[in-house]
Amino acid sequence: MIITEKDRMDGSVHLSEDENCVVILDQRKLPNYVEYQYLDDVKKIYEAIRTLAVRGAPAIGICAGYGMYILAKQKKDLPYEQFAKALHEDGDYLISSRPTAVNLSWAIRRVLKLVDESTDVNKIIERLHDEAINIHNEDIEMCYKVSEYGLSLIKDGDGILTHCNTGPMATSKYGTAIGPVLLGKERGREFHVFADETRPLLQGARLTAFELQKAGVDVTLICDNMASLVMKNGWVQACFVGCDRIAANGDVANKIGTSGVAILAKHYGIPIYSCGPTSTIDMNCPSGEDIVIELRDPEEIKTMWYKEPMALKEVKCYNPSFDVTDHELLTAIITDRGIVYPPFDVNLKKLFE
């Protein structure tokens, strides 16, 4: 079922009023159509995450939290052993939809922990409801804190370059990497944002530029391969990017193309900050070499946005969804618990002490 709700643009995921569905803004349809989907079974939730109808690490985590709650409600009449087994199976299935985004597995494992702590099914369902709400509220608070910390690093009038989409649609409120700009705008500051188009799924063009334009921010859309010239021209004073997984040594997995932005920023002496929640830090992942990179359908490159194919059918495509930015290229990592500077392998640990 798809409905249109033009007034819900602050965040992209919420629970339906009857609490039987997860409601998501279908990010595949933007910027031309603002449509919402109601997800009421595990396959719909899986497909929504896999096909990027809902995307952005925090938004995926919120969707997973609410999703596990509604799936638990559907199993309320099962004996505990069957109830727990079925929920664990649903959780494993959902985690497989986007293996790189750590917030997905983090949220589901957080919820499943509650399933294993009691044998009272009704009590478990109540706790899952509260935990899903907590995940959402914590993300709102996280976005505000990340935005505050990020805003302290830039001044009125700065040019900001960003890659992919990290605004309210990818999170719950201000966003992460674009949050400082939106929070600053609320407080009367003006910035100019250069939004990378972000091939091949065009999240920068379809989503970031959309959000910033609607928020009244001065935004210029550029193709990914224009970033170097924009930096060389002196129009960029800082780069803000998101993160889907941060390794213990500070290596960051983010949307494909992020490492190229970091290399350019390093060359031109421009600070680059990766922004995200503490939940995105995976202290069990030693380095970027240990991060599984999701490979996506080649047709996203060859046919997805075109009336006719842009390559011969027999031409092979390599379509990784993410790349890993080496920690040595980053100026700092901005989290809800503070700004982390090198050495990252030492200072990231301090966040959890």
Protein backbone atom coordinates (compact mmCIF):
# COMPACT_ATOMS: atom_id res chain seq x y z
CA MET A 1 0.00 0.00 0.00
CA ILE A 2 1.37 3.44 -0.96
CA ILE A 3 -0.06 6.75 0.24
CA THR A 4 1.01 10.35 -0.16
CA GLU A 5 1.70 12.47 2.93
CA LYS A 6 3.12 15.84 1.94
CA ASP A 7 3.39 17.18 5.47
CA ARG A 8 5.76 14.59 6.96
CA MET A 9 9.24 15.70 5.90
CA ASP A 10 11.08 15.77 9.23
CA GLY A 11 12.65 12.35 9.22
CA SER A 12 11.69 9.49 6.94
CA VAL A 13 10.52 6.70 9.29
CA HIS A 14 7.75 6.48 11.85
CA LEU A 15 5.28 4.04 13.34
CA SER A 16 1.71 4.10 12.02
CA GLU A 17 -1.03 5.34 14.32
CA ASP A 18 -2.40 1.82 14.80
CA GLU A 19 1.18 0.58 15.38
CA ASN A 20 0.74 -2.23 12.86
CA CYS A 21 3.04 -0.83 10.18
CA VAL A 22 6.34 0.95 9.73
CA VAL A 23 5.72 4.04 7.61
CA ILE A 24 8.64 5.15 5.43
CA LEU A 25 9.19 7.95 2.98
CA ASP A 26 10.01 6.19 -0.30
CA GLN A 27 13.34 7.80 -1.12
CA ARG A 28 13.43 6.15 -4.54
CA LYS A 29 10.65 8.42 -5.78
CA LEU A 30 12.15 11.78 -4.87
CA PRO A 31 12.44 14.54 -5.93
CA ASN A 32 9.39 14.31 -8.20
CA TYR A 33 7.04 12.37 -5.94
CA VAL A 34 6.64 12.44 -2.15
CA GLU A 35 5.19 9.02 -1.37
CA TYR A 36 5.03 6.91 1.78
CA GLN A 37 4.93 3.13 2.08
CA TYR A 38 3.33 1.08 4.84
CA LEU A 39 5.48 -1.94 5.69
CA ASP A 40 3.57 -4.68 7.51
CA ASP A 41 5.56 -7.89 6.95
CA VAL A 42 9.18 -8.99 7.01
CA LYS A 43 9.54 -9.25 3.22
CA LYS A 44 8.31 -5.69 2.71
CA ILE A 45 10.72 -4.40 5.35
CA TYR A 46 13.58 -6.38 3.79
CA GLU A 47 12.82 -5.10 0.29
CA ALA A 48 12.42 -1.51 1.48
CA ILE A 49 15.90 -1.64 3.03
CA ARG A 50 17.51 -3.61 0.20
CA THR A 51 16.14 -1.40 -2.59
CA LEU A 52 16.92 1.84 -0.71
CA ALA A 53 13.32 2.92 -0.28
CA VAL A 54 14.58 3.63 3.22
CA ARG A 55 18.29 4.44 3.45
CA GLY A 56 20.82 6.22 5.62
CA ALA A 57 22.36 4.29 8.50
CA PRO A 58 20.32 5.91 11.33
CA ALA A 59 17.04 5.69 9.39
CA ILE A 60 17.69 2.01 8.67
CA GLY A 61 18.26 1.42 12.38
CA ILE A 62 15.01 3.18 13.28
CA CYS A 63 13.14 1.19 10.62
CA ALA A 64 14.62 -2.05 11.96
CA GLY A 65 13.61 -1.23 15.53
CA TYR A 66 10.00 -0.51 14.60
CA GLY A 67 9.98 -3.43 12.18
CA MET A 68 10.98 -5.96 14.81
CA TYR A 69 8.27 -4.62 17.10
CA ILE A 70 5.47 -5.05 14.55
CA LEU A 71 6.79 -8.50 13.60
CA ALA A 72 6.71 -9.46 17.28
CA LYS A 73 3.10 -8.28 17.56
CA GLN A 74 2.17 -10.60 14.69
CA LYS A 75 3.60 -13.55 16.62
CA LYS A 76 2.02 -12.75 19.99
CA ASP A 77 -0.04 -15.96 20.11
CA LEU A 78 2.96 -18.27 19.67
CA PRO A 79 4.55 -20.12 22.60
CA TYR A 80 7.74 -18.40 23.75
CA GLU A 81 10.15 -20.87 22.13
CA GLN A 82 8.50 -20.53 18.70
CA PHE A 83 8.11 -16.76 19.18
CA ALA A 84 11.81 -16.27 19.97
CA LYS A 85 12.99 -18.58 17.17
CA ALA A 86 10.83 -16.83 14.58
CA LEU A 87 11.99 -13.34 15.67
CA HIS A 88 15.65 -14.37 15.52
CA GLU A 89 15.06 -15.71 12.01
CA ASP A 90 13.38 -12.45 10.98
CA GLY A 91 16.27 -10.49 12.46
CA ASP A 92 18.92 -12.50 10.61
CA TYR A 93 16.96 -12.11 7.38
CA LEU A 94 16.71 -8.33 7.76
CA ILE A 95 20.40 -7.97 8.62
CA SER A 96 21.27 -9.68 5.31
CA SER A 97 19.49 -6.92 3.35
CA ARG A 98 22.32 -4.37 3.87
CA PRO A 99 25.37 -6.04 5.47
CA THR A 100 27.66 -2.98 5.46
CA ALA A 101 25.40 -0.60 7.40
CA VAL A 102 26.19 -1.42 11.02
CA ASN A 103 23.16 0.41 12.44
CA LEU A 104 20.92 -2.26 10.95
CA SER A 105 22.56 -5.15 12.81
CA TRP A 106 23.09 -2.95 15.88
CA ALA A 107 19.38 -2.12 16.19
CA ILE A 108 18.19 -5.66 15.55
CA ARG A 109 20.63 -7.21 18.02
CA ARG A 110 19.65 -4.60 20.59
CA VAL A 111 16.02 -5.65 20.21
CA LEU A 112 16.73 -9.39 20.12
CA LYS A 113 18.64 -9.11 23.38
CA LEU A 114 15.32 -8.24 25.04
CA VAL A 115 13.71 -11.31 23.49
CA ASP A 116 16.29 -13.49 25.22
CA GLU A 117 15.86 -11.87 28.64
CA SER A 118 12.31 -13.01 29.34
CA THR A 119 9.86 -15.77 28.45
CA ASP A 120 6.75 -13.61 28.85
CA VAL A 121 5.73 -12.85 25.26
CA ASN A 122 3.39 -9.97 26.11
CA LYS A 123 6.02 -8.36 28.31
CA ILE A 124 8.63 -8.78 25.56
CA ILE A 125 6.37 -7.07 23.02
CA GLU A 126 5.86 -4.13 25.38
CA ARG A 127 9.61 -3.84 25.87
CA LEU A 128 10.23 -4.01 22.12
CA HIS A 129 7.80 -1.15 21.63
CA ASP A 130 9.59 0.98 24.20
CA GLU A 131 13.01 0.06 22.82
CA ALA A 132 12.02 1.02 19.28
CA ILE A 133 10.80 4.39 20.55
CA ASN A 134 14.07 4.76 22.47
CA ILE A 135 16.11 4.07 19.33
CA HIS A 136 14.17 6.79 17.50
CA ASN A 137 14.41 9.36 20.31
CA GLU A 138 18.09 8.64 20.83
CA ASP A 139 18.68 9.30 17.15
CA ILE A 140 16.96 12.69 17.36
CA GLU A 141 19.22 13.60 20.29
CA MET A 142 22.24 12.22 18.44
CA CYS A 143 21.51 14.33 15.37
CA TYR A 144 21.27 17.46 17.48
CA LYS A 145 24.56 16.78 19.25
CA VAL A 146 26.44 15.90 16.04
CA SER A 147 25.05 19.05 14.43
CA GLU A 148 26.17 21.17 17.40
CA TYR A 149 29.69 19.75 17.33
CA GLY A 150 29.92 20.13 13.57
CA LEU A 151 28.64 23.70 13.66
CA SER A 152 31.49 24.63 16.01
CA LEU A 153 33.97 23.80 13.24
CA ILE A 154 32.63 26.15 10.55
CA LYS A 155 31.93 29.86 10.33
CA ASP A 156 29.25 31.98 8.71
CA GLY A 157 29.68 32.15 4.94
CA ASP A 158 31.77 28.98 4.57
CA GLY A 159 31.48 26.74 1.55
CA ILE A 160 30.73 23.12 2.43
CA LEU A 161 31.07 20.10 0.14
CA THR A 162 29.10 16.96 0.93
CA HIS A 163 28.66 13.55 -0.66
CA CYS A 164 25.58 11.29 -0.71
CA ASN A 165 22.67 12.15 1.63
CA THR A 166 22.94 12.64 5.37
CA GLY A 167 20.02 14.94 6.15
CA PRO A 168 16.68 14.38 7.90
CA MET A 169 15.61 11.74 5.38
CA ALA A 170 18.60 9.58 6.27
CA THR A 171 18.10 10.05 10.00
CA SER A 172 15.40 11.45 12.28
CA LYS A 173 15.87 15.21 12.52
CA TYR A 174 18.70 17.48 11.32
CA GLY A 175 20.83 14.71 9.95
CA THR A 176 24.50 14.01 10.54
CA ALA A 177 26.94 15.44 7.98
CA ILE A 178 24.45 18.04 6.73
CA GLY A 179 23.06 18.65 10.21
CA PRO A 180 25.50 21.50 11.04
CA VAL A 181 24.29 23.41 7.99
CA LEU A 182 20.59 22.96 8.84
CA LEU A 183 21.11 23.82 12.50
CA GLY A 184 23.19 26.83 11.51
CA LYS A 185 20.47 27.96 9.13
CA GLU A 186 17.96 27.86 12.01
CA ARG A 187 20.27 30.16 13.95
CA GLY A 188 20.65 32.68 11.16
CA ARG A 189 23.94 31.55 9.69
CA GLU A 190 24.43 31.23 5.96
CA PHE A 191 26.50 28.59 4.20
CA HIS A 192 26.92 27.56 0.60
CA VAL A 193 26.76 23.82 0.02
CA PHE A 194 28.16 22.00 -2.98
CA ALA A 195 26.26 18.71 -3.18
CA ASP A 196 27.95 15.93 -5.12
CA GLU A 197 25.50 14.23 -7.47
CA THR A 198 26.65 10.87 -5.99
CA ARG A 199 26.60 8.30 -8.75
CA PRO A 200 25.10 5.89 -9.51
CA LEU A 201 22.01 6.31 -7.30
CA LEU A 202 22.10 10.12 -7.27
CA GLN A 203 21.30 10.57 -3.58
CA GLY A 204 23.08 13.92 -3.61
CA ALA A 205 21.03 15.16 -6.55
CA ARG A 206 17.67 13.63 -5.64
CA LEU A 207 17.78 13.93 -1.86
CA THR A 208 20.45 16.28 -0.47
CA ALA A 209 19.80 19.06 -2.97
CA PHE A 210 16.06 18.57 -2.40
CA GLU A 211 16.35 18.87 1.39
CA LEU A 212 18.67 21.87 1.31
CA GLN A 213 16.62 23.74 -1.27
CA LYS A 214 13.44 23.17 0.76
CA ALA A 215 15.26 24.40 3.88
CA GLY A 216 16.31 27.62 2.15
CA VAL A 217 20.02 26.76 2.10
CA ASP A 218 22.15 28.09 -0.76
CA VAL A 219 22.97 24.84 -2.59
CA THR A 220 24.73 24.06 -5.86
CA LEU A 221 24.54 20.59 -7.37
CA ILE A 222 27.73 19.28 -9.01
CA CYS A 223 28.71 16.04 -10.70
CA ASP A 224 31.09 13.91 -8.65
CA ASN A 225 34.00 14.59 -11.00
CA MET A 226 33.65 18.36 -10.53
CA ALA A 227 34.64 18.32 -6.84
CA SER A 228 38.34 18.80 -7.58
CA LEU A 229 37.77 21.99 -9.58
CA VAL A 230 35.40 23.41 -6.97
CA MET A 231 38.03 22.80 -4.29
CA LYS A 232 40.83 24.22 -6.44
CA ASN A 233 38.77 27.38 -6.97
CA GLY A 234 38.78 27.98 -3.21
CA TRP A 235 35.03 27.64 -2.88
CA VAL A 236 35.14 24.90 -0.23
CA GLN A 237 36.30 25.47 3.34
CA ALA A 238 35.24 22.09 4.75
CA CYS A 239 33.93 18.70 3.63
CA PHE A 240 31.30 16.88 5.66
CA VAL A 241 30.47 13.25 4.86
CA GLY A 242 28.52 10.53 6.61
CA CYS A 243 29.47 7.01 7.66
CA ASP A 244 27.85 3.61 7.47
CA ARG A 245 30.51 1.88 9.55
CA ILE A 246 33.54 3.16 11.42
CA ALA A 247 36.28 0.65 12.17
CA ALA A 248 38.21 0.68 15.45
CA ASN A 249 41.22 2.33 13.77
CA GLY A 250 39.09 5.16 12.29
CA ASP A 251 38.69 3.82 8.77
CA VAL A 252 35.24 4.83 7.52
CA ALA A 253 32.93 3.01 5.12
CA ASN A 254 30.58 5.41 3.38
CA LYS A 255 28.84 5.86 0.05
CA ILE A 256 31.04 5.03 -2.93
CA GLY A 257 33.09 8.08 -3.90
CA THR A 258 33.74 9.28 -0.35
CA SER A 259 37.37 8.15 -0.39
CA GLY A 260 37.92 10.16 -3.57
CA VAL A 261 36.54 13.27 -1.87
CA ALA A 262 38.90 12.66 1.06
CA ILE A 263 41.92 12.30 -1.21
CA LEU A 264 41.06 15.57 -2.97
CA ALA A 265 40.49 17.36 0.34
CA LYS A 266 43.88 16.17 1.58
CA HIS A 267 45.54 17.45 -1.60
CA TYR A 268 43.97 20.90 -1.34
CA GLY A 269 44.43 21.20 2.43
CA ILE A 270 40.70 21.22 3.18
CA PRO A 271 39.47 19.64 6.44
CA ILE A 272 37.20 16.64 6.01
CA TYR A 273 34.92 15.38 8.75
CA SER A 274 33.00 12.10 8.93
CA CYS A 275 29.83 12.51 10.98
CA GLY A 276 27.68 9.85 12.57
CA PRO A 277 26.28 8.26 15.71
CA THR A 278 28.42 6.37 18.18
CA SER A 279 26.38 3.30 17.21
CA THR A 280 28.09 3.38 13.81
CA ILE A 281 31.47 2.73 15.43
CA ASP A 282 32.24 -0.98 15.31
CA MET A 283 34.99 -1.63 17.85
CA ASN A 284 34.91 -5.31 16.86
CA CYS A 285 36.02 -4.35 13.36
CA PRO A 286 39.80 -3.69 13.47
CA SER A 287 40.12 -1.80 10.18
CA GLY A 288 38.50 -1.03 6.85
CA GLU A 289 39.99 -4.24 5.47
CA ASP A 290 37.49 -6.14 7.62
CA ILE A 291 34.38 -4.32 6.33
CA VAL A 292 32.21 -6.26 3.90
CA ILE A 293 31.44 -4.06 0.88
CA GLU A 294 28.00 -4.59 -0.62
CA LEU A 295 27.91 -5.12 -4.39
CA ARG A 296 24.76 -3.94 -6.11
CA ASP A 297 22.91 -4.61 -9.36
CA PRO A 298 24.92 -3.48 -12.44
CA GLU A 299 21.70 -2.15 -13.94
CA GLU A 300 21.91 0.77 -11.51
CA ILE A 301 24.77 1.97 -13.71
CA LYS A 302 23.58 0.91 -17.15
CA THR A 303 19.81 1.43 -17.24
CA MET A 304 18.30 2.74 -14.02
CA TRP A 305 18.06 6.44 -14.87
CA TYR A 306 17.91 6.24 -18.64
CA LYS A 307 15.19 5.87 -21.23
CA GLU A 308 17.54 3.56 -23.15
CA PRO A 309 20.58 1.62 -21.88
CA MET A 310 23.82 3.60 -21.66
CA ALA A 311 26.02 0.55 -22.20
CA LEU A 312 25.87 -2.64 -24.23
CA LYS A 313 24.08 -5.50 -22.50
CA GLU A 314 27.20 -7.67 -22.52
CA VAL A 315 29.42 -5.01 -20.89
CA LYS A 316 30.41 -5.96 -17.34
CA CYS A 317 29.87 -3.50 -14.47
CA TYR A 318 31.44 -3.24 -11.04
CA ASN A 319 28.99 -1.55 -8.68
CA PRO A 320 30.14 -1.39 -5.04
CA SER A 321 27.79 0.57 -2.81
CA PHE A 322 30.53 1.79 -0.48
CA ASP A 323 34.22 2.50 -0.31
CA VAL A 324 36.50 2.83 2.70
CA THR A 325 38.24 6.10 3.52
CA ASP A 326 41.58 5.55 5.21
CA HIS A 327 41.70 7.13 8.66
CA GLU A 328 44.87 9.00 7.71
CA LEU A 329 42.85 11.12 5.29
CA LEU A 330 40.31 12.29 7.89
CA THR A 331 40.63 15.47 9.93
CA ALA A 332 38.21 14.27 12.59
CA ILE A 333 35.21 12.05 13.26
CA ILE A 334 32.21 13.91 14.70
CA THR A 335 29.99 11.83 16.99
CA ASP A 336 27.19 12.50 19.45
CA ARG A 337 29.76 12.09 22.24
CA GLY A 338 32.21 14.62 20.87
CA ILE A 339 34.74 15.35 18.14
CA VAL A 340 37.36 12.61 17.83
CA TYR A 341 40.78 13.57 16.48
CA PRO A 342 43.75 11.32 15.60
CA PRO A 343 45.08 8.98 16.78
CA PHE A 344 41.69 7.41 16.14
CA ASP A 345 42.59 3.94 17.40
CA VAL A 346 43.26 5.49 20.81
CA ASN A 347 40.61 8.20 20.95
CA LEU A 348 37.67 6.18 19.63
CA LYS A 349 38.11 3.80 22.56
CA LYS A 350 37.73 6.71 24.97
CA LEU A 351 34.15 7.25 23.79
CA PHE A 352 33.20 3.94 25.39
CA GLU A 353 35.08 4.28 28.66
